[in-house]
Amino acid sequence: MSHLRPYSGGWHSACEGKKGRVDRSAPQTQTPIQVMISSAITLFLIGLIAVALGFGGVGSLALNIGWVLLGIGVLLAIIHAVSGRRTV
């Protein structure tokens, strides 16, 4: 492994400072509203797959939880948009 050198700029330096590049040094975090809506969509997909495979009870439960989470998420998103406050 002597041929591996620590990062010295190399060909990666060509990407630094270009417009349109994503800075991957800081992790992207989601707001609680985004987490809730993505969880609702995930539960919708689980419910639809479960119903398609014949697991009606599990599918309907997942769909109902998804509807509740989606409703709460949309309600919180509307309240957040109306209040006009920005999160840090």
N, C-alpha and C. Protein backbone atom coordinates (compact mmCIF):
# COMPACT_ATOMS: atom_id res chain seq x y z
N MET A 1 0.81 -1.18 0.00
CA MET A 1 0.00 0.00 0.00
C MET A 1 0.86 1.26 0.00
N SER A 2 2.10 1.14 -0.33
CA SER A 2 2.97 2.30 -0.34
C SER A 2 2.66 3.24 -1.50
N HIS A 3 1.91 2.73 -2.52
CA HIS A 3 1.59 3.57 -3.66
C HIS A 3 0.44 4.54 -3.36
N LEU A 4 -0.26 4.36 -2.24
CA LEU A 4 -1.33 5.28 -1.86
C LEU A 4 -0.75 6.47 -1.12
N ARG A 5 -1.06 7.65 -1.60
CA ARG A 5 -0.58 8.87 -0.96
C ARG A 5 -1.76 9.62 -0.35
N PRO A 6 -1.51 10.39 0.68
CA PRO A 6 -2.60 11.20 1.21
C PRO A 6 -3.02 12.24 0.19
N TYR A 7 -4.21 12.77 0.37
CA TYR A 7 -4.76 13.75 -0.57
C TYR A 7 -3.83 14.96 -0.68
N SER A 8 -3.43 15.25 -1.90
CA SER A 8 -2.51 16.37 -2.12
C SER A 8 -3.06 17.35 -3.16
N GLY A 9 -4.35 17.36 -3.36
CA GLY A 9 -4.93 18.25 -4.36
C GLY A 9 -5.24 17.48 -5.62
N GLY A 10 -4.21 16.99 -6.27
CA GLY A 10 -4.33 16.12 -7.44
C GLY A 10 -5.45 16.53 -8.39
N TRP A 11 -6.09 15.56 -8.97
CA TRP A 11 -7.14 15.83 -9.94
C TRP A 11 -8.41 16.33 -9.27
N HIS A 12 -8.53 16.16 -7.94
CA HIS A 12 -9.71 16.69 -7.23
C HIS A 12 -9.71 18.21 -7.21
N SER A 13 -8.54 18.81 -7.27
CA SER A 13 -8.47 20.26 -7.19
C SER A 13 -9.13 20.92 -8.40
N ALA A 14 -9.29 20.19 -9.50
CA ALA A 14 -9.95 20.76 -10.67
C ALA A 14 -11.42 21.04 -10.40
N CYS A 15 -12.02 20.33 -9.45
CA CYS A 15 -13.44 20.50 -9.15
C CYS A 15 -13.69 21.61 -8.13
N GLU A 16 -12.68 22.05 -7.45
CA GLU A 16 -12.86 23.05 -6.41
C GLU A 16 -13.17 24.40 -7.02
N GLY A 17 -14.15 25.08 -6.45
CA GLY A 17 -14.48 26.42 -6.84
C GLY A 17 -15.34 26.55 -8.08
N LYS A 18 -15.77 25.46 -8.66
CA LYS A 18 -16.63 25.55 -9.84
C LYS A 18 -18.07 25.75 -9.41
N LYS A 19 -18.80 26.53 -10.18
CA LYS A 19 -20.21 26.76 -9.87
C LYS A 19 -21.00 25.49 -10.16
N GLY A 20 -22.05 25.29 -9.37
CA GLY A 20 -22.92 24.14 -9.58
C GLY A 20 -22.45 22.88 -8.87
N ARG A 21 -21.32 22.93 -8.24
CA ARG A 21 -20.83 21.76 -7.51
C ARG A 21 -21.43 21.76 -6.11
N VAL A 22 -21.72 20.59 -5.62
CA VAL A 22 -22.29 20.45 -4.28
C VAL A 22 -21.17 20.29 -3.28
N ASP A 23 -21.24 21.04 -2.21
CA ASP A 23 -20.27 20.91 -1.14
C ASP A 23 -20.67 19.72 -0.27
N ARG A 24 -19.94 18.64 -0.37
CA ARG A 24 -20.28 17.43 0.36
C ARG A 24 -19.56 17.34 1.70
N SER A 25 -18.88 18.41 2.10
CA SER A 25 -18.17 18.38 3.37
C SER A 25 -19.14 18.45 4.55
N ALA A 26 -20.25 19.15 4.40
CA ALA A 26 -21.24 19.26 5.46
C ALA A 26 -22.43 18.37 5.13
N PRO A 27 -22.87 17.55 6.08
CA PRO A 27 -24.02 16.68 5.80
C PRO A 27 -25.30 17.49 5.63
N GLN A 28 -26.14 17.05 4.72
CA GLN A 28 -27.41 17.71 4.49
C GLN A 28 -28.42 17.19 5.52
N THR A 29 -29.07 18.09 6.22
CA THR A 29 -30.06 17.68 7.22
C THR A 29 -31.44 18.07 6.73
N GLN A 30 -32.42 17.30 7.16
CA GLN A 30 -33.81 17.56 6.79
C GLN A 30 -34.53 18.22 7.96
N THR A 31 -35.50 19.04 7.62
CA THR A 31 -36.33 19.63 8.66
C THR A 31 -37.32 18.56 9.15
N PRO A 32 -37.90 18.74 10.32
CA PRO A 32 -38.86 17.76 10.82
C PRO A 32 -40.06 17.57 9.88
N ILE A 33 -40.45 18.63 9.19
CA ILE A 33 -41.58 18.51 8.26
C ILE A 33 -41.19 17.61 7.08
N GLN A 34 -39.97 17.77 6.57
CA GLN A 34 -39.51 16.92 5.48
C GLN A 34 -39.42 15.46 5.91
N VAL A 35 -38.98 15.23 7.13
CA VAL A 35 -38.90 13.86 7.65
C VAL A 35 -40.28 13.25 7.74
N MET A 36 -41.26 14.04 8.23
CA MET A 36 -42.61 13.51 8.39
C MET A 36 -43.24 13.18 7.05
N ILE A 37 -43.06 14.06 6.07
CA ILE A 37 -43.66 13.82 4.76
C ILE A 37 -42.97 12.65 4.06
N SER A 38 -41.65 12.54 4.19
CA SER A 38 -40.97 11.40 3.57
C SER A 38 -41.37 10.09 4.26
N SER A 39 -41.61 10.13 5.57
CA SER A 39 -42.09 8.93 6.27
C SER A 39 -43.48 8.55 5.79
N ALA A 40 -44.32 9.55 5.57
CA ALA A 40 -45.67 9.28 5.07
C ALA A 40 -45.62 8.64 3.69
N ILE A 41 -44.77 9.15 2.82
CA ILE A 41 -44.65 8.56 1.48
C ILE A 41 -44.12 7.14 1.56
N THR A 42 -43.16 6.90 2.45
CA THR A 42 -42.63 5.54 2.63
C THR A 42 -43.73 4.59 3.10
N LEU A 43 -44.55 5.04 4.05
CA LEU A 43 -45.63 4.18 4.54
C LEU A 43 -46.69 3.95 3.47
N PHE A 44 -46.94 4.95 2.61
CA PHE A 44 -47.86 4.74 1.49
C PHE A 44 -47.35 3.63 0.58
N LEU A 45 -46.06 3.69 0.27
CA LEU A 45 -45.48 2.67 -0.61
C LEU A 45 -45.52 1.29 0.03
N ILE A 46 -45.20 1.21 1.32
CA ILE A 46 -45.27 -0.07 2.03
C ILE A 46 -46.69 -0.59 2.02
N GLY A 47 -47.66 0.29 2.27
CA GLY A 47 -49.07 -0.12 2.28
C GLY A 47 -49.53 -0.61 0.92
N LEU A 48 -49.15 0.11 -0.14
CA LEU A 48 -49.56 -0.32 -1.47
C LEU A 48 -48.95 -1.66 -1.86
N ILE A 49 -47.69 -1.86 -1.51
CA ILE A 49 -47.05 -3.14 -1.82
C ILE A 49 -47.69 -4.26 -1.01
N ALA A 50 -47.98 -4.00 0.27
CA ALA A 50 -48.59 -5.02 1.12
C ALA A 50 -49.99 -5.39 0.61
N VAL A 51 -50.76 -4.41 0.20
CA VAL A 51 -52.09 -4.70 -0.34
C VAL A 51 -51.98 -5.49 -1.64
N ALA A 52 -51.03 -5.12 -2.48
CA ALA A 52 -50.85 -5.83 -3.75
C ALA A 52 -50.44 -7.28 -3.53
N LEU A 53 -49.71 -7.55 -2.45
CA LEU A 53 -49.28 -8.92 -2.15
C LEU A 53 -50.31 -9.69 -1.34
N GLY A 54 -51.42 -9.05 -0.99
CA GLY A 54 -52.48 -9.75 -0.29
C GLY A 54 -52.48 -9.59 1.22
N PHE A 55 -51.64 -8.75 1.75
CA PHE A 55 -51.62 -8.51 3.19
C PHE A 55 -52.46 -7.28 3.49
N GLY A 56 -53.78 -7.44 3.46
CA GLY A 56 -54.70 -6.32 3.59
C GLY A 56 -54.63 -5.60 4.91
N GLY A 57 -54.47 -6.35 6.01
CA GLY A 57 -54.44 -5.72 7.33
C GLY A 57 -53.23 -4.83 7.51
N VAL A 58 -52.07 -5.36 7.16
CA VAL A 58 -50.83 -4.59 7.29
C VAL A 58 -50.84 -3.41 6.32
N GLY A 59 -51.34 -3.66 5.12
CA GLY A 59 -51.39 -2.60 4.11
C GLY A 59 -52.30 -1.47 4.51
N SER A 60 -53.48 -1.79 5.02
CA SER A 60 -54.41 -0.72 5.40
C SER A 60 -53.89 0.05 6.61
N LEU A 61 -53.22 -0.64 7.53
CA LEU A 61 -52.63 0.04 8.69
C LEU A 61 -51.55 1.02 8.23
N ALA A 62 -50.67 0.58 7.33
CA ALA A 62 -49.61 1.45 6.84
C ALA A 62 -50.18 2.64 6.07
N LEU A 63 -51.22 2.39 5.28
CA LEU A 63 -51.84 3.49 4.54
C LEU A 63 -52.49 4.50 5.47
N ASN A 64 -53.15 4.02 6.51
CA ASN A 64 -53.80 4.94 7.46
C ASN A 64 -52.77 5.77 8.22
N ILE A 65 -51.68 5.14 8.65
CA ILE A 65 -50.62 5.89 9.34
C ILE A 65 -50.00 6.90 8.38
N GLY A 66 -49.84 6.49 7.13
CA GLY A 66 -49.30 7.41 6.13
C GLY A 66 -50.19 8.62 5.93
N TRP A 67 -51.51 8.40 5.87
CA TRP A 67 -52.45 9.53 5.72
C TRP A 67 -52.35 10.48 6.90
N VAL A 68 -52.27 9.93 8.11
CA VAL A 68 -52.19 10.77 9.31
C VAL A 68 -50.90 11.59 9.28
N LEU A 69 -49.77 10.95 8.99
CA LEU A 69 -48.50 11.67 8.94
C LEU A 69 -48.49 12.72 7.84
N LEU A 70 -49.06 12.39 6.70
CA LEU A 70 -49.12 13.35 5.60
C LEU A 70 -49.97 14.55 5.98
N GLY A 71 -51.10 14.30 6.61
CA GLY A 71 -51.96 15.40 7.04
C GLY A 71 -51.27 16.30 8.05
N ILE A 72 -50.62 15.72 9.03
CA ILE A 72 -49.90 16.51 10.03
C ILE A 72 -48.75 17.27 9.38
N GLY A 73 -48.03 16.60 8.48
CA GLY A 73 -46.91 17.26 7.80
C GLY A 73 -47.35 18.42 6.95
N VAL A 74 -48.43 18.27 6.21
CA VAL A 74 -48.93 19.37 5.38
C VAL A 74 -49.44 20.50 6.26
N LEU A 75 -50.13 20.17 7.34
CA LEU A 75 -50.62 21.19 8.26
C LEU A 75 -49.46 21.98 8.86
N LEU A 76 -48.41 21.29 9.30
CA LEU A 76 -47.25 21.97 9.87
C LEU A 76 -46.52 22.80 8.81
N ALA A 77 -46.47 22.30 7.58
CA ALA A 77 -45.82 23.06 6.50
C ALA A 77 -46.59 24.35 6.22
N ILE A 78 -47.92 24.28 6.24
CA ILE A 78 -48.73 25.48 6.02
C ILE A 78 -48.54 26.48 7.15
N ILE A 79 -48.55 25.98 8.39
CA ILE A 79 -48.34 26.87 9.54
C ILE A 79 -46.96 27.51 9.47
N HIS A 80 -45.97 26.74 9.08
CA HIS A 80 -44.60 27.26 8.98
C HIS A 80 -44.51 28.32 7.88
N ALA A 81 -45.18 28.10 6.76
CA ALA A 81 -45.15 29.05 5.65
C ALA A 81 -45.88 30.34 6.00
N VAL A 82 -46.98 30.21 6.73
CA VAL A 82 -47.76 31.40 7.10
C VAL A 82 -47.04 32.22 8.15
N SER A 83 -46.36 31.54 9.09
CA SER A 83 -45.70 32.28 10.16
C SER A 83 -44.53 33.10 9.64
N GLY A 84 -43.91 32.67 8.54
CA GLY A 84 -42.85 33.44 7.93
C GLY A 84 -41.52 33.40 8.64
N ARG A 85 -41.39 32.61 9.68
CA ARG A 85 -40.13 32.50 10.39
C ARG A 85 -39.22 31.52 9.70
N ARG A 86 -37.93 31.80 9.73
CA ARG A 86 -36.95 30.91 9.12
C ARG A 86 -36.29 30.08 10.21
N THR A 87 -35.99 28.83 9.88
CA THR A 87 -35.29 27.98 10.83
C THR A 87 -33.79 28.14 10.64
N VAL A 88 -33.06 27.86 11.68
CA VAL A 88 -31.60 27.98 11.63
C VAL A 88 -31.00 26.67 11.25
